[in-house]
Amino acid sequence: MRVLSEAQPLAGTLDAVAAPRFEAVYREHAMTVARWVARLGGPLLDVEDVTHDVFVKVQRELPKFRGDAQLTTWLFTMTANTVRTRRRTEAFRRLFRAPSDDALDVADESALAPEQLERRDAERALYRVLDKLAERDRQVLVLFELEGRSGREVAELLQVKEEAVWVLRHRAKARFAKHMQEEVRS
């Protein structure tokens, strides 16, 4: 992957001074993107691999970034789309594999404290329920509940009006609660 230096202007930009540089974007936002990948994707996705895919797309598309939205909004959209594509691919692959939670299993569970086992089981249940939700519901809950973002921030990242975010959150929480009750019963 070709990395641009701070001094190199991006090809194809009208105003090279105002265009964000890939290295600066990566340095400032890599941890946030990785956190989004982990939370949106769940434990079955390789966070480093998906984050790399996001930044390959960022490097390719950065010269086209016009600044119509905030850079974080643009990055979140790119991250969410990459995670959605990878989750679909992984779900398709799991159809052809034997059902297993191997990726979530620990080699020797006896070495773990009961609290750690309970936490791991709760995390598994959480992501099983999140996997049942529509992408928009999943994104809203991850941003509000796991990221602790404000309504204004969630509205910016999802590119919706702030008033709509509260409706989306309410509906997503209701759907989550319904699926969680089903999870507990099974």
N, C-alpha and C. Protein backbone atom coordinates (compact mmCIF):
# COMPACT_ATOMS: atom_id res chain seq x y z
N MET A 1 0.85 -1.17 0.00
CA MET A 1 0.00 0.00 0.00
C MET A 1 0.89 1.23 0.00
N ARG A 2 0.65 2.15 -0.89
CA ARG A 2 1.42 3.38 -1.00
C ARG A 2 0.94 4.35 0.07
N VAL A 3 1.83 4.86 0.87
CA VAL A 3 1.47 5.81 1.92
C VAL A 3 1.96 7.18 1.50
N LEU A 4 1.08 8.15 1.62
CA LEU A 4 1.44 9.51 1.24
C LEU A 4 2.17 10.20 2.38
N SER A 5 3.14 10.99 2.07
CA SER A 5 3.83 11.74 3.11
C SER A 5 3.09 13.04 3.37
N GLU A 6 3.40 13.65 4.48
CA GLU A 6 2.75 14.90 4.87
C GLU A 6 2.95 15.98 3.81
N ALA A 7 4.10 15.96 3.14
CA ALA A 7 4.42 17.03 2.19
C ALA A 7 3.77 16.80 0.82
N GLN A 8 3.34 15.56 0.53
CA GLN A 8 2.77 15.28 -0.78
C GLN A 8 1.31 15.71 -0.85
N PRO A 9 0.96 16.54 -1.81
CA PRO A 9 -0.46 16.85 -1.98
C PRO A 9 -1.16 15.66 -2.61
N LEU A 10 -2.43 15.54 -2.35
CA LEU A 10 -3.21 14.46 -2.94
C LEU A 10 -3.51 14.78 -4.39
N ALA A 11 -3.32 13.80 -5.24
CA ALA A 11 -3.60 13.99 -6.66
C ALA A 11 -5.08 14.18 -6.88
N GLY A 12 -5.44 15.08 -7.76
CA GLY A 12 -6.84 15.26 -8.11
C GLY A 12 -7.59 16.22 -7.22
N THR A 13 -6.93 16.86 -6.27
CA THR A 13 -7.64 17.81 -5.41
C THR A 13 -7.49 19.20 -5.99
N LEU A 14 -8.53 19.98 -5.83
CA LEU A 14 -8.49 21.36 -6.31
C LEU A 14 -7.65 22.23 -5.40
N ASP A 15 -7.78 21.99 -4.10
CA ASP A 15 -7.07 22.79 -3.13
C ASP A 15 -6.26 21.86 -2.24
N ALA A 16 -5.03 21.57 -2.65
CA ALA A 16 -4.21 20.59 -1.95
C ALA A 16 -3.93 21.01 -0.51
N VAL A 17 -3.95 22.30 -0.20
CA VAL A 17 -3.69 22.76 1.15
C VAL A 17 -4.84 22.36 2.08
N ALA A 18 -6.09 22.41 1.59
CA ALA A 18 -7.25 22.13 2.42
C ALA A 18 -7.57 20.63 2.49
N ALA A 19 -7.03 19.83 1.58
CA ALA A 19 -7.36 18.41 1.54
C ALA A 19 -6.67 17.69 2.69
N PRO A 20 -7.39 16.80 3.36
CA PRO A 20 -6.75 16.04 4.45
C PRO A 20 -5.74 15.06 3.87
N ARG A 21 -4.67 14.84 4.58
CA ARG A 21 -3.63 13.91 4.17
C ARG A 21 -3.93 12.54 4.78
N PHE A 22 -3.64 11.50 4.02
CA PHE A 22 -3.93 10.14 4.48
C PHE A 22 -3.23 9.85 5.80
N GLU A 23 -1.94 10.17 5.90
CA GLU A 23 -1.20 9.87 7.13
C GLU A 23 -1.83 10.55 8.33
N ALA A 24 -2.24 11.80 8.16
CA ALA A 24 -2.87 12.53 9.27
C ALA A 24 -4.21 11.91 9.63
N VAL A 25 -4.99 11.54 8.63
CA VAL A 25 -6.28 10.91 8.88
C VAL A 25 -6.08 9.59 9.61
N TYR A 26 -5.13 8.80 9.13
CA TYR A 26 -4.86 7.51 9.77
C TYR A 26 -4.41 7.69 11.21
N ARG A 27 -3.46 8.56 11.42
CA ARG A 27 -2.91 8.79 12.76
C ARG A 27 -4.00 9.25 13.73
N GLU A 28 -4.85 10.13 13.27
CA GLU A 28 -5.87 10.71 14.16
C GLU A 28 -7.07 9.79 14.36
N HIS A 29 -7.41 8.96 13.40
CA HIS A 29 -8.68 8.23 13.46
C HIS A 29 -8.57 6.70 13.47
N ALA A 30 -7.39 6.14 13.40
CA ALA A 30 -7.24 4.68 13.32
C ALA A 30 -7.84 3.97 14.52
N MET A 31 -7.61 4.47 15.70
CA MET A 31 -8.14 3.82 16.90
C MET A 31 -9.67 3.89 16.95
N THR A 32 -10.22 5.02 16.54
CA THR A 32 -11.67 5.17 16.52
C THR A 32 -12.29 4.21 15.51
N VAL A 33 -11.70 4.13 14.34
CA VAL A 33 -12.21 3.22 13.31
C VAL A 33 -12.11 1.77 13.80
N ALA A 34 -11.01 1.41 14.42
CA ALA A 34 -10.86 0.05 14.94
C ALA A 34 -11.91 -0.25 16.01
N ARG A 35 -12.20 0.72 16.86
CA ARG A 35 -13.24 0.54 17.88
C ARG A 35 -14.61 0.35 17.24
N TRP A 36 -14.90 1.16 16.20
CA TRP A 36 -16.17 1.01 15.48
C TRP A 36 -16.26 -0.37 14.86
N VAL A 37 -15.17 -0.82 14.24
CA VAL A 37 -15.16 -2.14 13.61
C VAL A 37 -15.45 -3.22 14.65
N ALA A 38 -14.78 -3.15 15.79
CA ALA A 38 -14.96 -4.16 16.84
C ALA A 38 -16.40 -4.18 17.34
N ARG A 39 -16.97 -3.03 17.53
CA ARG A 39 -18.31 -2.96 18.11
C ARG A 39 -19.40 -3.24 17.09
N LEU A 40 -19.23 -2.77 15.88
CA LEU A 40 -20.22 -3.05 14.84
C LEU A 40 -20.12 -4.48 14.34
N GLY A 41 -18.91 -5.00 14.31
CA GLY A 41 -18.68 -6.33 13.73
C GLY A 41 -18.84 -7.47 14.69
N GLY A 42 -18.59 -7.23 15.98
CA GLY A 42 -18.69 -8.30 16.94
C GLY A 42 -17.43 -9.14 16.99
N PRO A 43 -17.46 -10.17 17.82
CA PRO A 43 -16.24 -10.95 18.08
C PRO A 43 -15.82 -11.87 16.95
N LEU A 44 -16.65 -12.09 15.96
CA LEU A 44 -16.29 -13.02 14.90
C LEU A 44 -15.50 -12.37 13.76
N LEU A 45 -15.39 -11.07 13.77
CA LEU A 45 -14.61 -10.39 12.73
C LEU A 45 -13.21 -10.10 13.22
N ASP A 46 -12.26 -10.17 12.31
CA ASP A 46 -10.87 -9.82 12.60
C ASP A 46 -10.76 -8.29 12.51
N VAL A 47 -10.67 -7.64 13.67
CA VAL A 47 -10.70 -6.18 13.73
C VAL A 47 -9.56 -5.56 12.92
N GLU A 48 -8.36 -6.09 13.06
CA GLU A 48 -7.21 -5.53 12.32
C GLU A 48 -7.42 -5.63 10.82
N ASP A 49 -7.90 -6.77 10.38
CA ASP A 49 -8.10 -7.00 8.95
C ASP A 49 -9.16 -6.06 8.38
N VAL A 50 -10.27 -5.93 9.07
CA VAL A 50 -11.35 -5.06 8.58
C VAL A 50 -10.91 -3.59 8.66
N THR A 51 -10.20 -3.21 9.72
CA THR A 51 -9.71 -1.83 9.83
C THR A 51 -8.76 -1.53 8.68
N HIS A 52 -7.91 -2.48 8.34
CA HIS A 52 -7.01 -2.31 7.20
C HIS A 52 -7.81 -2.09 5.92
N ASP A 53 -8.86 -2.91 5.73
CA ASP A 53 -9.72 -2.75 4.54
C ASP A 53 -10.34 -1.35 4.50
N VAL A 54 -10.77 -0.87 5.65
CA VAL A 54 -11.36 0.48 5.70
C VAL A 54 -10.34 1.51 5.24
N PHE A 55 -9.10 1.42 5.74
CA PHE A 55 -8.11 2.44 5.40
C PHE A 55 -7.57 2.28 3.98
N VAL A 56 -7.64 1.10 3.42
CA VAL A 56 -7.32 0.97 2.00
C VAL A 56 -8.35 1.76 1.19
N LYS A 57 -9.62 1.63 1.57
CA LYS A 57 -10.68 2.39 0.89
C LYS A 57 -10.54 3.89 1.14
N VAL A 58 -10.17 4.24 2.38
CA VAL A 58 -9.98 5.66 2.71
C VAL A 58 -8.88 6.25 1.84
N GLN A 59 -7.76 5.54 1.71
CA GLN A 59 -6.66 6.07 0.90
C GLN A 59 -7.09 6.24 -0.55
N ARG A 60 -7.87 5.30 -1.06
CA ARG A 60 -8.34 5.37 -2.44
C ARG A 60 -9.35 6.50 -2.64
N GLU A 61 -10.24 6.71 -1.65
CA GLU A 61 -11.33 7.66 -1.81
C GLU A 61 -11.03 9.06 -1.25
N LEU A 62 -10.00 9.21 -0.46
CA LEU A 62 -9.70 10.50 0.17
C LEU A 62 -9.57 11.65 -0.82
N PRO A 63 -8.96 11.45 -1.99
CA PRO A 63 -8.89 12.56 -2.93
C PRO A 63 -10.27 13.04 -3.40
N LYS A 64 -11.27 12.18 -3.28
CA LYS A 64 -12.63 12.55 -3.70
C LYS A 64 -13.43 13.19 -2.57
N PHE A 65 -12.88 13.18 -1.34
CA PHE A 65 -13.59 13.75 -0.20
C PHE A 65 -13.74 15.25 -0.40
N ARG A 66 -14.98 15.71 -0.46
CA ARG A 66 -15.27 17.11 -0.76
C ARG A 66 -15.50 17.97 0.48
N GLY A 67 -15.67 17.33 1.61
CA GLY A 67 -15.92 18.09 2.82
C GLY A 67 -17.38 18.46 3.01
N ASP A 68 -18.27 17.80 2.26
CA ASP A 68 -19.71 18.06 2.44
C ASP A 68 -20.18 17.63 3.82
N ALA A 69 -19.53 16.63 4.38
CA ALA A 69 -19.82 16.15 5.73
C ALA A 69 -18.52 16.20 6.51
N GLN A 70 -18.64 16.03 7.81
CA GLN A 70 -17.42 15.98 8.62
C GLN A 70 -16.64 14.73 8.26
N LEU A 71 -15.35 14.78 8.43
CA LEU A 71 -14.49 13.65 8.12
C LEU A 71 -14.90 12.43 8.94
N THR A 72 -15.26 12.60 10.21
CA THR A 72 -15.66 11.46 11.04
C THR A 72 -16.95 10.83 10.52
N THR A 73 -17.84 11.63 10.00
CA THR A 73 -19.08 11.10 9.42
C THR A 73 -18.75 10.24 8.21
N TRP A 74 -17.88 10.75 7.37
CA TRP A 74 -17.45 10.04 6.17
C TRP A 74 -16.75 8.73 6.56
N LEU A 75 -15.87 8.79 7.57
CA LEU A 75 -15.16 7.60 8.02
C LEU A 75 -16.12 6.58 8.62
N PHE A 76 -17.10 7.05 9.40
CA PHE A 76 -18.06 6.12 9.99
C PHE A 76 -18.86 5.41 8.90
N THR A 77 -19.29 6.16 7.90
CA THR A 77 -20.05 5.56 6.81
C THR A 77 -19.21 4.51 6.09
N MET A 78 -17.97 4.84 5.82
CA MET A 78 -17.08 3.90 5.15
C MET A 78 -16.85 2.66 6.04
N THR A 79 -16.68 2.87 7.33
CA THR A 79 -16.47 1.77 8.27
C THR A 79 -17.72 0.89 8.35
N ALA A 80 -18.88 1.51 8.50
CA ALA A 80 -20.13 0.75 8.61
C ALA A 80 -20.38 -0.08 7.35
N ASN A 81 -20.11 0.50 6.18
CA ASN A 81 -20.31 -0.24 4.93
C ASN A 81 -19.33 -1.41 4.82
N THR A 82 -18.10 -1.20 5.22
CA THR A 82 -17.09 -2.26 5.16
C THR A 82 -17.45 -3.39 6.13
N VAL A 83 -17.86 -3.03 7.34
CA VAL A 83 -18.26 -4.03 8.33
C VAL A 83 -19.48 -4.80 7.84
N ARG A 84 -20.46 -4.11 7.30
CA ARG A 84 -21.67 -4.77 6.80
C ARG A 84 -21.31 -5.79 5.71
N THR A 85 -20.45 -5.39 4.79
CA THR A 85 -20.03 -6.29 3.72
C THR A 85 -19.30 -7.50 4.29
N ARG A 86 -18.40 -7.27 5.23
CA ARG A 86 -17.64 -8.37 5.82
C ARG A 86 -18.54 -9.29 6.63
N ARG A 87 -19.51 -8.74 7.37
CA ARG A 87 -20.43 -9.58 8.14
C ARG A 87 -21.26 -10.45 7.20
N ARG A 88 -21.70 -9.91 6.08
CA ARG A 88 -22.46 -10.70 5.11
C ARG A 88 -21.60 -11.82 4.55
N THR A 89 -20.36 -11.51 4.21
CA THR A 89 -19.44 -12.51 3.69
C THR A 89 -19.21 -13.62 4.71
N GLU A 90 -18.97 -13.22 5.95
CA GLU A 90 -18.73 -14.21 7.01
C GLU A 90 -19.97 -15.05 7.28
N ALA A 91 -21.14 -14.45 7.24
CA ALA A 91 -22.38 -15.22 7.44
C ALA A 91 -22.54 -16.25 6.33
N PHE A 92 -22.23 -15.84 5.11
CA PHE A 92 -22.32 -16.77 3.98
C PHE A 92 -21.32 -17.91 4.16
N ARG A 93 -20.12 -17.60 4.59
CA ARG A 93 -19.10 -18.63 4.80
C ARG A 93 -19.51 -19.60 5.90
N ARG A 94 -20.14 -19.07 6.96
CA ARG A 94 -20.57 -19.93 8.07
C ARG A 94 -21.65 -20.92 7.63
N LEU A 95 -22.39 -20.59 6.59
CA LEU A 95 -23.40 -21.51 6.08
C LEU A 95 -22.76 -22.81 5.59
N PHE A 96 -21.54 -22.70 5.11
CA PHE A 96 -20.87 -23.86 4.54
C PHE A 96 -19.87 -24.52 5.49
N ARG A 97 -19.80 -24.01 6.69
CA ARG A 97 -18.95 -24.61 7.72
C ARG A 97 -19.82 -25.29 8.75
N ALA A 98 -19.23 -26.20 9.50
CA ALA A 98 -19.96 -26.83 10.60
C ALA A 98 -20.24 -25.76 11.65
N PRO A 99 -21.45 -25.77 12.24
CA PRO A 99 -21.76 -24.77 13.26
C PRO A 99 -20.82 -24.93 14.46
N SER A 100 -20.23 -23.82 14.86
CA SER A 100 -19.27 -23.85 15.95
C SER A 100 -19.04 -22.45 16.48
N ASP A 101 -18.73 -22.39 17.72
CA ASP A 101 -18.34 -21.12 18.34
C ASP A 101 -16.85 -21.13 18.59
N ASP A 102 -16.08 -21.84 17.76
CA ASP A 102 -14.65 -21.99 17.97
C ASP A 102 -13.94 -20.66 18.16
N ALA A 103 -14.36 -19.65 17.42
CA ALA A 103 -13.69 -18.35 17.50
C ALA A 103 -13.88 -17.73 18.87
N LEU A 104 -14.94 -18.13 19.57
CA LEU A 104 -15.22 -17.53 20.88
C LEU A 104 -14.74 -18.40 22.03
N ASP A 105 -14.38 -19.65 21.76
CA ASP A 105 -13.99 -20.57 22.83
C ASP A 105 -12.58 -20.30 23.30
N VAL A 106 -12.38 -20.55 24.57
CA VAL A 106 -11.07 -20.43 25.18
C VAL A 106 -10.54 -21.85 25.33
N ALA A 107 -9.26 -22.06 25.10
CA ALA A 107 -8.69 -23.40 25.13
C ALA A 107 -8.95 -24.11 26.46
N ASP A 108 -8.73 -23.44 27.58
CA ASP A 108 -8.92 -24.05 28.88
C ASP A 108 -9.80 -23.15 29.74
N GLU A 109 -11.10 -23.43 29.74
CA GLU A 109 -12.03 -22.59 30.48
C GLU A 109 -11.84 -22.71 31.98
N SER A 110 -11.27 -23.81 32.46
CA SER A 110 -11.09 -23.99 33.90
C SER A 110 -10.15 -22.95 34.48
N ALA A 111 -9.29 -22.37 33.65
CA ALA A 111 -8.34 -21.38 34.13
C ALA A 111 -8.98 -20.00 34.31
N LEU A 112 -10.19 -19.82 33.79
CA LEU A 112 -10.86 -18.54 33.90
C LEU A 112 -11.70 -18.46 35.17
N ALA A 113 -11.72 -17.30 35.76
CA ALA A 113 -12.55 -17.08 36.93
C ALA A 113 -14.01 -17.11 36.51
N PRO A 114 -14.91 -17.48 37.40
CA PRO A 114 -16.35 -17.52 37.07
C PRO A 114 -16.86 -16.18 36.53
N GLU A 115 -16.34 -15.08 37.04
CA GLU A 115 -16.77 -13.77 36.57
C GLU A 115 -16.40 -13.57 35.10
N GLN A 116 -15.21 -14.04 34.72
CA GLN A 116 -14.78 -13.92 33.33
C GLN A 116 -15.64 -14.77 32.42
N LEU A 117 -16.00 -15.97 32.88
CA LEU A 117 -16.87 -16.84 32.07
C LEU A 117 -18.24 -16.21 31.90
N GLU A 118 -18.77 -15.64 32.97
CA GLU A 118 -20.08 -14.98 32.89
C GLU A 118 -20.03 -13.79 31.95
N ARG A 119 -18.96 -13.02 32.04
CA ARG A 119 -18.82 -11.85 31.16
C ARG A 119 -18.72 -12.29 29.70
N ARG A 120 -17.94 -13.33 29.43
CA ARG A 120 -17.81 -13.83 28.07
C ARG A 120 -19.14 -14.35 27.54
N ASP A 121 -19.88 -15.08 28.38
CA ASP A 121 -21.19 -15.58 27.97
C ASP A 121 -22.16 -14.44 27.71
N ALA A 122 -22.11 -13.40 28.55
CA ALA A 122 -22.98 -12.24 28.34
C ALA A 122 -22.61 -11.51 27.05
N GLU A 123 -21.31 -11.42 26.76
CA GLU A 123 -20.86 -10.78 25.53
C GLU A 123 -21.33 -11.57 24.31
N ARG A 124 -21.23 -12.89 24.39
CA ARG A 124 -21.73 -13.74 23.30
C ARG A 124 -23.22 -13.49 23.06
N ALA A 125 -23.98 -13.47 24.15
CA ALA A 125 -25.43 -13.24 24.04
C ALA A 125 -25.71 -11.87 23.44
N LEU A 126 -24.97 -10.86 23.89
CA LEU A 126 -25.14 -9.51 23.36
C LEU A 126 -24.94 -9.48 21.85
N TYR A 127 -23.85 -10.09 21.38
CA TYR A 127 -23.58 -10.05 19.94
C TYR A 127 -24.52 -10.96 19.15
N ARG A 128 -25.01 -12.03 19.76
CA ARG A 128 -26.03 -12.84 19.06
C ARG A 128 -27.29 -12.02 18.83
N VAL A 129 -27.67 -11.23 19.84
CA VAL A 129 -28.85 -10.37 19.71
C VAL A 129 -28.57 -9.25 18.72
N LEU A 130 -27.41 -8.61 18.81
CA LEU A 130 -27.07 -7.55 17.85
C LEU A 130 -27.06 -8.08 16.42
N ASP A 131 -26.64 -9.33 16.24
CA ASP A 131 -26.62 -9.93 14.91
C ASP A 131 -28.02 -10.09 14.33
N LYS A 132 -29.02 -10.18 15.18
CA LYS A 132 -30.40 -10.34 14.72
C LYS A 132 -31.03 -9.01 14.29
N LEU A 133 -30.41 -7.90 14.69
CA LEU A 133 -30.97 -6.58 14.39
C LEU A 133 -30.60 -6.13 12.98
N ALA A 134 -31.41 -5.23 12.46
CA ALA A 134 -31.09 -4.58 11.19
C ALA A 134 -29.84 -3.71 11.40
N GLU A 135 -29.12 -3.46 10.33
CA GLU A 135 -27.87 -2.69 10.43
C GLU A 135 -28.07 -1.33 11.10
N ARG A 136 -29.13 -0.63 10.74
CA ARG A 136 -29.36 0.71 11.31
C ARG A 136 -29.59 0.61 12.82
N ASP A 137 -30.38 -0.37 13.27
CA ASP A 137 -30.61 -0.56 14.70
C ASP A 137 -29.29 -0.87 15.41
N ARG A 138 -28.50 -1.72 14.81
CA ARG A 138 -27.21 -2.09 15.38
C ARG A 138 -26.31 -0.87 15.50
N GLN A 139 -26.25 -0.06 14.44
CA GLN A 139 -25.40 1.14 14.45
C GLN A 139 -25.85 2.11 15.54
N VAL A 140 -27.15 2.34 15.64
CA VAL A 140 -27.68 3.28 16.65
C VAL A 140 -27.32 2.81 18.05
N LEU A 141 -27.54 1.54 18.34
CA LEU A 141 -27.24 1.03 19.68
C LEU A 141 -25.74 1.05 19.97
N VAL A 142 -24.94 0.69 19.00
CA VAL A 142 -23.49 0.71 19.22
C VAL A 142 -23.03 2.14 19.52
N LEU A 143 -23.49 3.09 18.73
CA LEU A 143 -23.05 4.48 18.93
C LEU A 143 -23.55 5.05 20.25
N PHE A 144 -24.81 4.81 20.59
CA PHE A 144 -25.35 5.35 21.84
C PHE A 144 -24.83 4.59 23.06
N GLU A 145 -25.06 3.29 23.05
CA GLU A 145 -24.86 2.50 24.26
C GLU A 145 -23.40 2.06 24.47
N LEU A 146 -22.72 1.67 23.42
CA LEU A 146 -21.35 1.21 23.59
C LEU A 146 -20.33 2.33 23.44
N GLU A 147 -20.58 3.24 22.51
CA GLU A 147 -19.65 4.36 22.29
C GLU A 147 -19.94 5.52 23.24
N GLY A 148 -21.17 5.62 23.74
CA GLY A 148 -21.53 6.73 24.62
C GLY A 148 -21.63 8.07 23.90
N ARG A 149 -21.97 8.03 22.62
CA ARG A 149 -22.08 9.26 21.83
C ARG A 149 -23.36 10.01 22.17
N SER A 150 -23.33 11.32 21.98
CA SER A 150 -24.52 12.14 22.21
C SER A 150 -25.46 12.02 21.01
N GLY A 151 -26.70 12.47 21.20
CA GLY A 151 -27.67 12.44 20.11
C GLY A 151 -27.19 13.23 18.90
N ARG A 152 -26.58 14.38 19.15
CA ARG A 152 -26.06 15.20 18.06
C ARG A 152 -24.97 14.46 17.29
N GLU A 153 -24.05 13.82 18.02
CA GLU A 153 -22.97 13.09 17.37
C GLU A 153 -23.50 11.91 16.55
N VAL A 154 -24.47 11.19 17.11
CA VAL A 154 -25.04 10.05 16.40
C VAL A 154 -25.75 10.54 15.13
N ALA A 155 -26.46 11.65 15.25
CA ALA A 155 -27.15 12.22 14.08
C ALA A 155 -26.14 12.56 12.98
N GLU A 156 -25.02 13.16 13.37
CA GLU A 156 -23.99 13.52 12.38
C GLU A 156 -23.40 12.27 11.74
N LEU A 157 -23.08 11.27 12.56
CA LEU A 157 -22.45 10.06 12.02
C LEU A 157 -23.40 9.27 11.11
N LEU A 158 -24.67 9.25 11.46
CA LEU A 158 -25.65 8.50 10.66
C LEU A 158 -26.29 9.36 9.57
N GLN A 159 -25.96 10.64 9.59
CA GLN A 159 -26.47 11.59 8.60
C GLN A 159 -28.00 11.65 8.59
N VAL A 160 -28.55 11.82 9.80
CA VAL A 160 -29.99 11.99 9.96
C VAL A 160 -30.21 13.20 10.88
N LYS A 161 -31.45 13.67 10.93
CA LYS A 161 -31.77 14.77 11.83
C LYS A 161 -31.71 14.28 13.27
N GLU A 162 -31.34 15.20 14.15
CA GLU A 162 -31.19 14.81 15.55
C GLU A 162 -32.50 14.29 16.14
N GLU A 163 -33.62 14.87 15.73
CA GLU A 163 -34.92 14.42 16.24
C GLU A 163 -35.17 12.97 15.84
N ALA A 164 -34.74 12.60 14.66
CA ALA A 164 -34.95 11.23 14.17
C ALA A 164 -34.11 10.22 14.95
N VAL A 165 -32.98 10.66 15.47
CA VAL A 165 -32.11 9.76 16.21
C VAL A 165 -32.81 9.19 17.44
N TRP A 166 -33.59 10.03 18.10
CA TRP A 166 -34.27 9.57 19.31
C TRP A 166 -35.34 8.54 18.99
N VAL A 167 -35.99 8.70 17.87
CA VAL A 167 -36.97 7.70 17.43
C VAL A 167 -36.25 6.41 17.06
N LEU A 168 -35.15 6.53 16.32
CA LEU A 168 -34.37 5.35 15.94
C LEU A 168 -33.86 4.62 17.18
N ARG A 169 -33.41 5.37 18.16
CA ARG A 169 -32.90 4.76 19.40
C ARG A 169 -34.00 4.03 20.13
N HIS A 170 -35.15 4.66 20.26
CA HIS A 170 -36.28 4.05 20.96
C HIS A 170 -36.68 2.74 20.28
N ARG A 171 -36.81 2.77 18.98
CA ARG A 171 -37.22 1.57 18.24
C ARG A 171 -36.15 0.48 18.30
N ALA A 172 -34.89 0.88 18.20
CA ALA A 172 -33.80 -0.09 18.25
C ALA A 172 -33.74 -0.76 19.63
N LYS A 173 -33.95 0.03 20.69
CA LYS A 173 -33.93 -0.55 22.04
C LYS A 173 -35.10 -1.51 22.23
N ALA A 174 -36.26 -1.18 21.68
CA ALA A 174 -37.42 -2.07 21.79
C ALA A 174 -37.15 -3.39 21.06
N ARG A 175 -36.59 -3.30 19.86
CA ARG A 175 -36.28 -4.52 19.11
C ARG A 175 -35.20 -5.33 19.81
N PHE A 176 -34.22 -4.64 20.36
CA PHE A 176 -33.16 -5.32 21.10
C PHE A 176 -33.75 -6.06 22.30
N ALA A 177 -34.60 -5.39 23.05
CA ALA A 177 -35.21 -6.00 24.24
C ALA A 177 -36.02 -7.24 23.87
N LYS A 178 -36.75 -7.14 22.77
CA LYS A 178 -37.56 -8.28 22.31
C LYS A 178 -36.65 -9.47 21.99
N HIS A 179 -35.59 -9.23 21.23
CA HIS A 179 -34.67 -10.31 20.86
C HIS A 179 -33.91 -10.84 22.09
N MET A 180 -33.61 -9.95 23.03
CA MET A 180 -32.90 -10.38 24.25
C MET A 180 -33.79 -11.29 25.09
N GLN A 181 -35.06 -10.98 25.15
CA GLN A 181 -35.99 -11.85 25.89
C GLN A 181 -36.04 -13.23 25.23
N GLU A 182 -36.06 -13.26 23.91
CA GLU A 182 -36.04 -14.54 23.21
C GLU A 182 -34.75 -15.29 23.47
N GLU A 183 -33.66 -14.57 23.55
CA GLU A 183 -32.35 -15.17 23.81
C GLU A 183 -32.32 -15.79 25.21
N VAL A 184 -32.88 -15.09 26.17
CA VAL A 184 -32.88 -15.57 27.55
C VAL A 184 -33.75 -16.82 27.67
N ARG A 185 -34.87 -16.84 26.94
CA ARG A 185 -35.78 -17.99 26.99
C ARG A 185 -35.17 -19.23 26.35
N SER A 186 -34.30 -19.04 25.37
CA SER A 186 -33.76 -20.22 24.67
C SER A 186 -32.57 -20.82 25.37
